[in-house]
Amino acid sequence: MSPGSGGHGLHDRYPLAGRRDVVHRQEMLRARGRSVAWVPPLLLLTAIAVADYNTTGEFRILSWIVLVPGIAAAICGVWATALFAVASLGVYTLVDSAWPHQFQAGLPDFILVALGGVLATLACIVRVRGERRALHMRDVTDTIRRTVLRPLPSGWGGLEHAGIYLTADTEARVGGDFYDIQPGPHGTRVFVGDVQGKGLAAVETAAVLLGTFREAGYDERELTAVADRLETRMRRHGEYTTAIGRADGDRFATAVLLGFPADRDDVVDTIVFGHEPPLAVGPDGVRAVPVAGGLPLGYRDLAPGRPRMCRVPLKGDETLLVVTDGVTEARDAEGRFYPLVDQVRRAVARDPQLAAPARLVSFVRDGTLRHSGGHLADDTTAFAVRRTGAPVGEGHEGGRSPY
C-alpha cells in the first residue's frame, strides 16, 4: 500500500534491500516509458563484429557472438530474442565470409551459434512464462493483502492513523500481522495483532478475526463484548481447522483492542491479549499505557471469564503506537533487540513533531530495518492513531458503517 496523502493513512510494505521481483527488473530496463532491453544485446553484437574485423590470423572472437541471444533471453521478450538469434547468424555468416582468403571460423562455429540461438529462444519462453506466473501470484497476494489490510480512509472514525507492514518473506507479501479501524455508534475501535505462525493458515486466521472485529466493533456497546466475540470466533475457527484434519487448530493470536468512546475525547479503553502494551507518544515524551495483562486469543480456557478493560487518560496531542514483535524482537548483528522505547523517546525529545502518526511509524520502520540490517526474522507491523477532533460517526450514512 502506498503512503496516504496529508500525513494520514500511511500504509506501505517495503521490500528488503537486494531483493527485486519481475516488475522491478523490467522498470530498470525502461527509459522515458519505453523498453531499452534490446540495447545491451545490440551493443554486444556490434562490439563483437567490430572487434573481429580488427583481429587477424587465428585469433578471432567471432564465435563469441553466441553470447548475444543468451543475453537477450535474460532481459528481452521472446520475439526480440528470436530476432537476435537470427541477427547473430546473419552477422556471423557475413563477417566470417567477408575475407575468403583469410582464416575462417567455419561450419562448427556456425552450428554453435545456430544452436545457441535456438536454446536461448527456448530459455526465454520458459523465463517469460515463469514471470507471468509470478506476476499472477503477486496479483493474488495483493488481493489477499487488501482484504486483510483494507485501505483506511483518511480521518477514518475521527482518527488520524498510519501503519507500516513489512513481511519477513518479501515474495509472500502478506503474513499474519493485521490492523484495522472500525467506527460505530458507540465510538471507534482499533484492532492490532499478530497471529502465531506464518503462511496462508496465519493469513486465514487474521482474516477471520478481522471479519469478526468489523462486525462486533460496530454492533457491541461494550469493548469487553467485542473481546468476547473475538475469543469465541477464534475458538470456533480452531474447532473447524481441527475438524478438517489440519494441525493448526491450537493456533493463537496476540492483539491489542482499543476503544475511543463516542462521549469522551480524553480517554481510551484498552484490552490486551498477550501483546506488547501500546505506547502513548506525545510532545511531552513517551509513556507505556497501563493495561491489564490478558492471555492471547484462543487461550480463554486457561482463564475463564471476560478480559479486564482499562480506561486510560489520553491527551489530544498524544499518539498511540502499537507494534508487533517483529519490531521489539528485531536483532542486530550482535543479537541485541531493537530498543524501541529508548529510540522513540530520544527522537521525540529532539523533534516533538515526530509524534504525528505518519512520521512516527516511518521512524519505527526505518529504525527496525537499520537495526536488523534489513534482515527481518518475523512479520513487522507498526500502527499509530490519535484523535483528529472529527465526529466519531464521520464516514457512515444512515447510522450504518459502509464496511
Protein backbone atom coordinates (compact mmCIF):
# COMPACT_ATOMS: atom_id res chain seq x y z
CA MET A 1 0.00 0.00 0.00
CA SER A 2 1.28 3.39 -0.75
CA PRO A 3 1.59 6.31 1.59
CA GLY A 4 -1.56 8.28 2.07
CA SER A 5 -1.75 11.98 1.43
CA GLY A 6 -1.69 14.71 4.01
CA GLY A 7 0.16 12.64 6.57
CA HIS A 8 -2.81 10.35 7.09
CA GLY A 9 -3.14 6.70 6.34
CA LEU A 10 0.44 5.80 5.61
CA HIS A 11 0.40 2.13 4.69
CA ASP A 12 3.30 0.54 2.92
CA ARG A 13 5.28 -2.61 2.51
CA TYR A 14 8.96 -2.08 1.99
CA PRO A 15 10.98 -4.68 0.07
CA LEU A 16 14.25 -5.51 1.77
CA ALA A 17 17.50 -4.37 0.20
CA GLY A 18 18.89 -6.56 -2.55
CA ARG A 19 15.61 -8.26 -3.47
CA ARG A 20 13.94 -7.46 -6.79
CA ASP A 21 10.89 -9.01 -8.40
CA VAL A 22 9.94 -9.15 -12.06
CA VAL A 23 8.36 -5.71 -12.13
CA HIS A 24 11.36 -4.01 -10.55
CA ARG A 25 13.70 -5.55 -13.12
CA GLN A 26 11.50 -4.50 -16.02
CA GLU A 27 11.26 -0.95 -14.63
CA MET A 28 15.07 -0.77 -14.56
CA LEU A 29 15.13 -1.56 -18.31
CA ARG A 30 12.89 1.32 -19.33
CA ALA A 31 13.69 4.90 -20.25
CA ARG A 32 11.01 7.55 -20.66
CA GLY A 33 8.36 4.86 -20.66
CA ARG A 34 9.97 2.81 -23.42
CA SER A 35 11.78 -0.51 -23.14
CA VAL A 36 15.55 -0.38 -23.68
CA ALA A 37 16.14 -4.08 -23.02
CA TRP A 38 17.27 -4.52 -26.62
CA VAL A 39 20.20 -2.12 -26.21
CA PRO A 40 22.70 -4.41 -24.34
CA PRO A 41 22.49 -7.35 -26.80
CA LEU A 42 22.66 -4.95 -29.77
CA LEU A 43 25.76 -3.28 -28.34
CA LEU A 44 27.34 -6.67 -27.72
CA LEU A 45 26.56 -7.83 -31.26
CA THR A 46 28.10 -4.68 -32.71
CA ALA A 47 31.14 -4.85 -30.44
CA ILE A 48 31.91 -8.46 -31.39
CA ALA A 49 31.58 -7.76 -35.11
CA VAL A 50 33.83 -4.68 -34.90
CA ALA A 51 36.41 -6.47 -32.72
CA ASP A 52 36.54 -9.44 -35.07
CA TYR A 53 37.06 -7.09 -38.01
CA ASN A 54 40.15 -5.72 -36.27
CA THR A 55 41.67 -9.11 -35.45
CA THR A 56 43.70 -11.16 -37.86
CA GLY A 57 45.06 -14.65 -38.18
CA GLU A 58 43.79 -17.39 -35.96
CA PHE A 59 42.85 -15.07 -33.09
CA ARG A 60 39.22 -14.33 -33.89
CA ILE A 61 36.37 -13.73 -31.47
CA LEU A 62 33.51 -14.09 -33.93
CA SER A 63 32.24 -17.25 -32.24
CA TRP A 64 31.58 -15.16 -29.10
CA ILE A 65 28.54 -13.92 -30.96
CA VAL A 66 26.71 -16.89 -29.43
CA LEU A 67 26.51 -14.78 -26.25
CA VAL A 68 24.17 -12.26 -27.90
CA PRO A 69 20.95 -14.35 -27.96
CA GLY A 70 21.86 -15.62 -24.48
CA ILE A 71 21.93 -12.05 -23.13
CA ALA A 72 18.70 -11.25 -24.98
CA ALA A 73 16.99 -14.31 -23.45
CA ALA A 74 17.68 -12.94 -19.97
CA ILE A 75 16.23 -9.45 -20.47
CA CYS A 76 14.19 -9.30 -23.69
CA GLY A 77 10.93 -10.82 -24.88
CA VAL A 78 10.60 -13.98 -26.95
CA TRP A 79 10.34 -12.28 -30.32
CA ALA A 80 13.26 -9.97 -29.60
CA THR A 81 15.37 -12.95 -28.54
CA ALA A 82 14.47 -14.84 -31.71
CA LEU A 83 15.34 -11.75 -33.75
CA PHE A 84 18.76 -11.50 -32.10
CA ALA A 85 19.32 -15.22 -32.72
CA VAL A 86 18.68 -14.72 -36.45
CA ALA A 87 20.71 -11.49 -36.50
CA SER A 88 23.62 -13.27 -34.82
CA LEU A 89 23.60 -15.95 -37.53
CA GLY A 90 23.43 -13.31 -40.24
CA VAL A 91 26.28 -11.24 -38.83
CA TYR A 92 28.36 -14.39 -38.26
CA THR A 93 27.92 -15.50 -41.88
CA LEU A 94 28.60 -12.02 -43.26
CA VAL A 95 31.72 -11.33 -41.19
CA ASP A 96 33.19 -14.82 -41.47
CA SER A 97 32.91 -14.86 -45.26
CA ALA A 98 33.95 -11.26 -45.83
CA TRP A 99 37.63 -12.27 -46.31
CA PRO A 100 37.62 -15.67 -48.04
CA HIS A 101 41.45 -15.80 -48.29
CA GLN A 102 41.96 -15.38 -44.54
CA PHE A 103 41.31 -17.77 -41.64
CA GLN A 104 37.59 -18.61 -41.25
CA ALA A 105 35.83 -19.93 -38.15
CA GLY A 106 33.81 -22.19 -40.42
CA LEU A 107 30.91 -24.57 -40.08
CA PRO A 108 31.47 -25.83 -36.50
CA ASP A 109 31.14 -22.36 -35.02
CA PHE A 110 28.20 -21.64 -37.32
CA ILE A 111 26.40 -24.66 -35.85
CA LEU A 112 27.33 -23.43 -32.34
CA VAL A 113 25.81 -20.00 -32.98
CA ALA A 114 22.67 -21.52 -34.53
CA LEU A 115 22.20 -23.97 -31.66
CA GLY A 116 22.86 -21.21 -29.12
CA GLY A 117 20.15 -19.06 -30.70
CA VAL A 118 17.60 -21.87 -30.59
CA LEU A 119 18.37 -22.71 -26.96
CA ALA A 120 18.29 -19.05 -25.97
CA THR A 121 14.86 -18.62 -27.53
CA LEU A 122 13.53 -21.68 -25.72
CA ALA A 123 15.02 -20.44 -22.44
CA CYS A 124 13.36 -17.06 -23.00
CA ILE A 125 9.97 -18.76 -23.48
CA VAL A 126 10.41 -20.57 -20.16
CA ARG A 127 11.52 -17.35 -18.43
CA VAL A 128 8.60 -15.31 -19.73
CA ARG A 129 6.08 -17.95 -18.67
CA GLY A 130 7.62 -18.04 -15.21
CA GLU A 131 7.44 -14.26 -14.93
CA ARG A 132 3.80 -14.28 -15.95
CA ARG A 133 3.05 -16.86 -13.27
CA ALA A 134 4.96 -14.76 -10.73
CA LEU A 135 3.01 -11.63 -11.68
CA HIS A 136 -0.26 -13.55 -11.43
CA MET A 137 0.66 -14.79 -7.96
CA ARG A 138 1.61 -11.27 -6.97
CA ASP A 139 -1.82 -10.05 -8.06
CA VAL A 140 -3.42 -12.81 -5.98
CA THR A 141 -1.40 -11.98 -2.88
CA ASP A 142 -2.09 -8.26 -3.34
CA THR A 143 -5.81 -9.02 -3.41
CA ILE A 144 -5.46 -11.08 -0.23
CA ARG A 145 -3.49 -8.29 1.40
CA ARG A 146 -6.13 -5.70 0.52
CA THR A 147 -8.74 -7.99 2.07
CA VAL A 148 -6.80 -8.50 5.28
CA LEU A 149 -5.37 -4.97 5.47
CA ARG A 150 -8.07 -2.96 3.76
CA PRO A 151 -7.20 0.64 2.78
CA LEU A 152 -8.36 3.00 5.50
CA PRO A 153 -9.76 6.42 4.55
CA SER A 154 -8.03 9.49 5.89
CA GLY A 155 -9.52 10.53 9.22
CA TRP A 156 -11.50 7.27 9.40
CA GLY A 157 -13.59 7.19 12.58
CA GLY A 158 -12.25 10.52 13.76
CA LEU A 159 -8.70 9.18 13.97
CA GLU A 160 -5.52 10.23 12.24
CA HIS A 161 -3.80 6.95 11.50
CA ALA A 162 -0.73 5.49 9.88
CA GLY A 163 0.58 1.96 9.56
CA ILE A 164 3.54 0.10 8.12
CA TYR A 165 3.61 -3.57 7.36
CA LEU A 166 6.77 -5.44 6.36
CA THR A 167 6.69 -9.15 5.64
CA ALA A 168 9.67 -11.29 6.56
CA ASP A 169 9.08 -13.13 3.25
CA THR A 170 9.01 -10.40 0.61
CA GLU A 171 7.84 -12.87 -2.02
CA ALA A 172 4.76 -13.77 0.02
CA ARG A 173 3.86 -10.08 0.50
CA VAL A 174 1.32 -10.93 3.20
CA GLY A 175 1.51 -12.60 6.59
CA GLY A 176 -0.21 -12.97 9.94
CA ASP A 177 0.04 -9.38 11.25
CA PHE A 178 -3.08 -7.25 10.99
CA TYR A 179 -4.66 -3.93 11.94
CA ASP A 180 -7.96 -2.19 11.33
CA ILE A 181 -10.22 0.64 12.48
CA GLN A 182 -13.98 0.30 12.86
CA PRO A 183 -16.17 3.35 13.59
CA GLY A 184 -19.63 2.81 15.02
CA PRO A 185 -22.42 4.32 17.14
CA HIS A 186 -20.56 3.50 20.37
CA GLY A 187 -17.24 5.01 19.35
CA THR A 188 -14.30 3.96 17.23
CA ARG A 189 -12.48 0.70 17.83
CA VAL A 190 -8.93 -0.19 16.76
CA PHE A 191 -7.61 -3.73 16.48
CA VAL A 192 -3.91 -4.60 16.02
CA GLY A 193 -2.44 -8.06 16.36
CA ASP A 194 -0.20 -10.89 15.31
CA VAL A 195 -1.31 -14.45 14.53
CA GLN A 196 1.05 -17.16 15.72
CA GLY A 197 2.95 -18.82 12.90
CA LYS A 198 3.36 -17.96 9.23
CA GLY A 199 1.92 -18.92 5.87
CA LEU A 200 -1.58 -18.96 4.45
CA ALA A 201 -3.03 -20.52 7.60
CA ALA A 202 -1.93 -17.46 9.61
CA VAL A 203 -3.40 -15.16 6.93
CA GLU A 204 -6.67 -17.10 7.09
CA THR A 205 -6.84 -16.69 10.88
CA ALA A 206 -6.10 -12.97 10.63
CA ALA A 207 -8.93 -12.58 8.08
CA VAL A 208 -11.31 -14.47 10.37
CA LEU A 209 -10.50 -12.22 13.33
CA LEU A 210 -10.76 -9.03 11.28
CA GLY A 211 -14.16 -10.03 9.89
CA THR A 212 -15.46 -10.57 13.41
CA PHE A 213 -13.93 -7.31 14.63
CA ARG A 214 -15.57 -5.29 11.87
CA GLU A 215 -19.00 -6.58 12.85
CA ALA A 216 -18.60 -6.67 16.63
CA GLY A 217 -16.71 -3.37 16.72
CA TYR A 218 -19.71 -1.69 15.15
CA ASP A 219 -22.53 -3.51 16.94
CA GLU A 220 -21.36 -4.00 20.53
CA ARG A 221 -21.75 -1.24 23.10
CA GLU A 222 -19.07 -2.57 25.46
CA LEU A 223 -15.48 -3.16 24.43
CA THR A 224 -15.41 -6.31 26.57
CA ALA A 225 -18.28 -7.67 24.47
CA VAL A 226 -16.14 -7.14 21.35
CA ALA A 227 -13.35 -9.07 23.07
CA ASP A 228 -15.78 -11.90 23.85
CA ARG A 229 -16.86 -12.12 20.22
CA LEU A 230 -13.23 -12.28 19.10
CA GLU A 231 -12.40 -15.06 21.56
CA THR A 232 -15.48 -17.05 20.54
CA ARG A 233 -14.63 -16.71 16.87
CA MET A 234 -11.04 -17.75 17.50
CA ARG A 235 -12.21 -20.87 19.33
CA ARG A 236 -14.72 -21.74 16.60
CA HIS A 237 -12.06 -21.33 13.93
CA GLY A 238 -9.76 -23.67 15.87
CA GLU A 239 -12.53 -26.26 16.13
CA TYR A 240 -13.15 -26.01 12.39
CA THR A 241 -9.49 -26.44 11.41
CA THR A 242 -9.22 -29.44 13.75
CA ALA A 243 -12.37 -30.99 12.29
CA ILE A 244 -10.99 -30.89 8.75
CA GLY A 245 -7.79 -32.56 9.88
CA ARG A 246 -5.41 -29.62 9.94
CA ALA A 247 -2.68 -29.45 12.57
CA ASP A 248 -3.08 -25.75 13.38
CA GLY A 249 -6.23 -25.99 15.49
CA ASP A 250 -4.35 -24.70 18.55
CA ARG A 251 -3.21 -21.52 16.81
CA PHE A 252 -3.43 -18.33 18.87
CA ALA A 253 -3.13 -14.58 18.30
CA THR A 254 -1.78 -11.76 20.41
CA ALA A 255 -3.61 -8.46 19.97
CA VAL A 256 -4.46 -5.02 21.31
CA LEU A 257 -8.05 -3.79 21.25
CA LEU A 258 -8.57 -0.04 21.66
CA GLY A 259 -11.80 1.83 22.12
CA PHE A 260 -12.29 5.58 21.67
CA PRO A 261 -15.65 6.30 23.36
CA ALA A 262 -18.16 8.43 21.49
CA ASP A 263 -18.90 10.54 24.60
CA ARG A 264 -15.31 11.16 25.74
CA ASP A 265 -12.36 12.67 23.95
CA ASP A 266 -9.81 12.48 26.76
CA VAL A 267 -9.63 8.72 27.38
CA VAL A 268 -9.02 5.44 25.59
CA ASP A 269 -10.18 1.97 26.60
CA THR A 270 -7.67 -0.85 26.23
CA ILE A 271 -7.82 -4.63 26.28
CA VAL A 272 -4.58 -6.53 25.68
CA PHE A 273 -4.41 -10.18 24.64
CA GLY A 274 -0.85 -11.19 25.48
CA HIS A 275 0.56 -8.41 23.32
CA GLU A 276 3.06 -5.61 23.78
CA PRO A 277 1.26 -2.71 25.55
CA PRO A 278 0.67 0.42 23.47
CA LEU A 279 2.92 3.43 23.84
CA ALA A 280 1.49 6.93 24.25
CA VAL A 281 3.80 9.24 22.31
CA GLY A 282 3.42 12.99 22.58
CA PRO A 283 5.45 16.19 22.50
CA ASP A 284 5.99 15.79 26.26
CA GLY A 285 7.52 12.35 25.97
CA VAL A 286 6.78 8.64 25.76
CA ARG A 287 4.93 6.52 28.31
CA ALA A 288 3.72 2.96 28.38
CA VAL A 289 -0.07 2.76 28.58
CA PRO A 290 -1.08 0.88 31.75
CA VAL A 291 -3.03 -2.23 30.81
CA ALA A 292 -4.36 -5.33 32.48
CA GLY A 293 -2.47 -8.33 31.19
CA GLY A 294 -4.52 -10.96 29.40
CA LEU A 295 -3.97 -14.23 27.59
CA PRO A 296 -3.73 -14.39 23.79
CA LEU A 297 -6.89 -15.01 21.79
CA GLY A 298 -7.52 -18.75 21.74
CA TYR A 299 -6.41 -19.36 25.33
CA ARG A 300 -9.58 -18.32 27.18
CA ASP A 301 -10.00 -21.85 28.55
CA LEU A 302 -6.94 -21.28 30.73
CA ALA A 303 -8.54 -18.25 32.42
CA PRO A 304 -12.35 -18.25 32.02
CA GLY A 305 -14.23 -15.00 32.27
CA ARG A 306 -14.17 -11.70 30.46
CA PRO A 307 -10.84 -9.96 29.98
CA ARG A 308 -10.25 -6.82 32.00
CA MET A 309 -10.56 -3.43 30.35
CA CYS A 310 -8.56 -0.39 31.40
CA ARG A 311 -9.70 3.19 30.80
CA VAL A 312 -6.63 5.36 30.41
CA PRO A 313 -6.35 9.18 30.18
CA LEU A 314 -5.09 10.31 26.79
CA LYS A 315 -4.13 13.85 25.78
CA GLY A 316 -5.33 15.24 22.50
CA ASP A 317 -1.77 15.54 21.14
CA GLU A 318 -0.73 12.02 22.16
CA THR A 319 -0.43 9.24 19.60
CA LEU A 320 -0.97 5.61 20.50
CA LEU A 321 1.68 3.38 18.94
CA VAL A 322 1.15 -0.38 18.72
CA VAL A 323 3.82 -2.67 17.28
CA THR A 324 4.14 -6.41 16.79
CA ASP A 325 7.07 -8.47 17.99
CA GLY A 326 8.74 -8.12 14.62
CA VAL A 327 9.76 -4.66 15.88
CA THR A 328 10.61 -5.39 19.51
CA GLU A 329 12.40 -8.65 18.69
CA ALA A 330 14.40 -7.37 15.72
CA ARG A 331 18.06 -8.17 16.39
CA ASP A 332 21.28 -6.58 15.23
CA ALA A 333 24.44 -8.45 14.23
CA GLU A 334 25.34 -8.95 17.90
CA GLY A 335 21.91 -10.37 18.80
CA ARG A 336 20.63 -7.30 20.66
CA PHE A 337 16.93 -6.43 20.48
CA TYR A 338 15.78 -3.16 18.96
CA PRO A 339 15.39 -0.61 21.82
CA LEU A 340 12.09 0.81 20.60
CA VAL A 341 11.12 2.87 23.67
CA ASP A 342 14.55 4.48 24.07
CA GLN A 343 14.81 5.26 20.37
CA VAL A 344 11.36 6.85 20.19
CA ARG A 345 11.91 8.80 23.42
CA ARG A 346 15.17 10.30 22.16
CA ALA A 347 13.72 11.11 18.75
CA VAL A 348 10.66 12.86 20.20
CA ALA A 349 12.88 14.82 22.57
CA ARG A 350 14.81 16.11 19.55
CA ASP A 351 11.72 16.74 17.44
CA PRO A 352 8.29 16.82 19.15
CA GLN A 353 6.58 16.78 15.74
CA LEU A 354 7.71 13.17 15.37
CA ALA A 355 4.67 12.23 17.46
CA ALA A 356 2.48 12.61 14.35
CA PRO A 357 1.31 9.10 13.30
CA ALA A 358 2.81 9.13 9.79
CA ARG A 359 6.21 10.34 10.95
CA LEU A 360 6.19 8.03 13.95
CA VAL A 361 5.61 4.80 12.03
CA SER A 362 8.13 5.86 9.39
CA PHE A 363 10.69 6.33 12.16
CA VAL A 364 9.90 2.89 13.59
CA ARG A 365 10.14 1.29 10.14
CA ASP A 366 13.49 2.88 9.35
CA GLY A 367 14.87 2.13 12.81
CA THR A 368 13.84 -1.52 12.66
CA LEU A 369 15.37 -2.06 9.22
CA ARG A 370 18.54 -0.23 10.18
CA HIS A 371 18.91 -2.16 13.44
CA SER A 372 18.36 -5.54 11.79
CA GLY A 373 20.42 -4.73 8.71
CA GLY A 374 17.33 -5.32 6.55
CA HIS A 375 17.01 -8.96 7.67
CA LEU A 376 13.63 -9.40 9.33
CA ALA A 377 13.04 -12.67 11.16
CA ASP A 378 9.30 -12.05 11.54
CA ASP A 379 6.49 -10.02 10.00
CA THR A 380 6.73 -6.47 11.30
CA THR A 381 3.89 -4.02 11.91
CA ALA A 382 3.66 -0.59 13.49
CA PHE A 383 0.30 1.18 13.72
CA ALA A 384 -0.30 4.64 15.18
CA VAL A 385 -3.53 6.54 15.87
CA ARG A 386 -4.62 9.79 17.50
CA ARG A 387 -7.83 11.76 17.54
CA THR A 388 -8.40 14.37 14.85
CA GLY A 389 -11.33 16.10 16.51
CA ALA A 390 -13.66 14.98 13.68
CA PRO A 391 -17.01 13.47 14.67
CA VAL A 392 -16.63 9.80 15.51
CA GLY A 393 -19.52 8.87 13.26
CA GLU A 394 -17.94 10.50 10.22
CA GLY A 395 -17.78 8.15 7.27
CA HIS A 396 -21.08 6.23 7.58
CA GLU A 397 -24.54 7.05 6.35
CA GLY A 398 -27.93 6.24 7.72
CA GLY A 399 -26.40 5.22 11.06
CA ARG A 400 -24.65 2.25 9.48
CA SER A 401 -20.99 1.83 8.60
CA PRO A 402 -20.30 1.16 4.93
CA TYR A 403 -17.87 -1.60 6.00
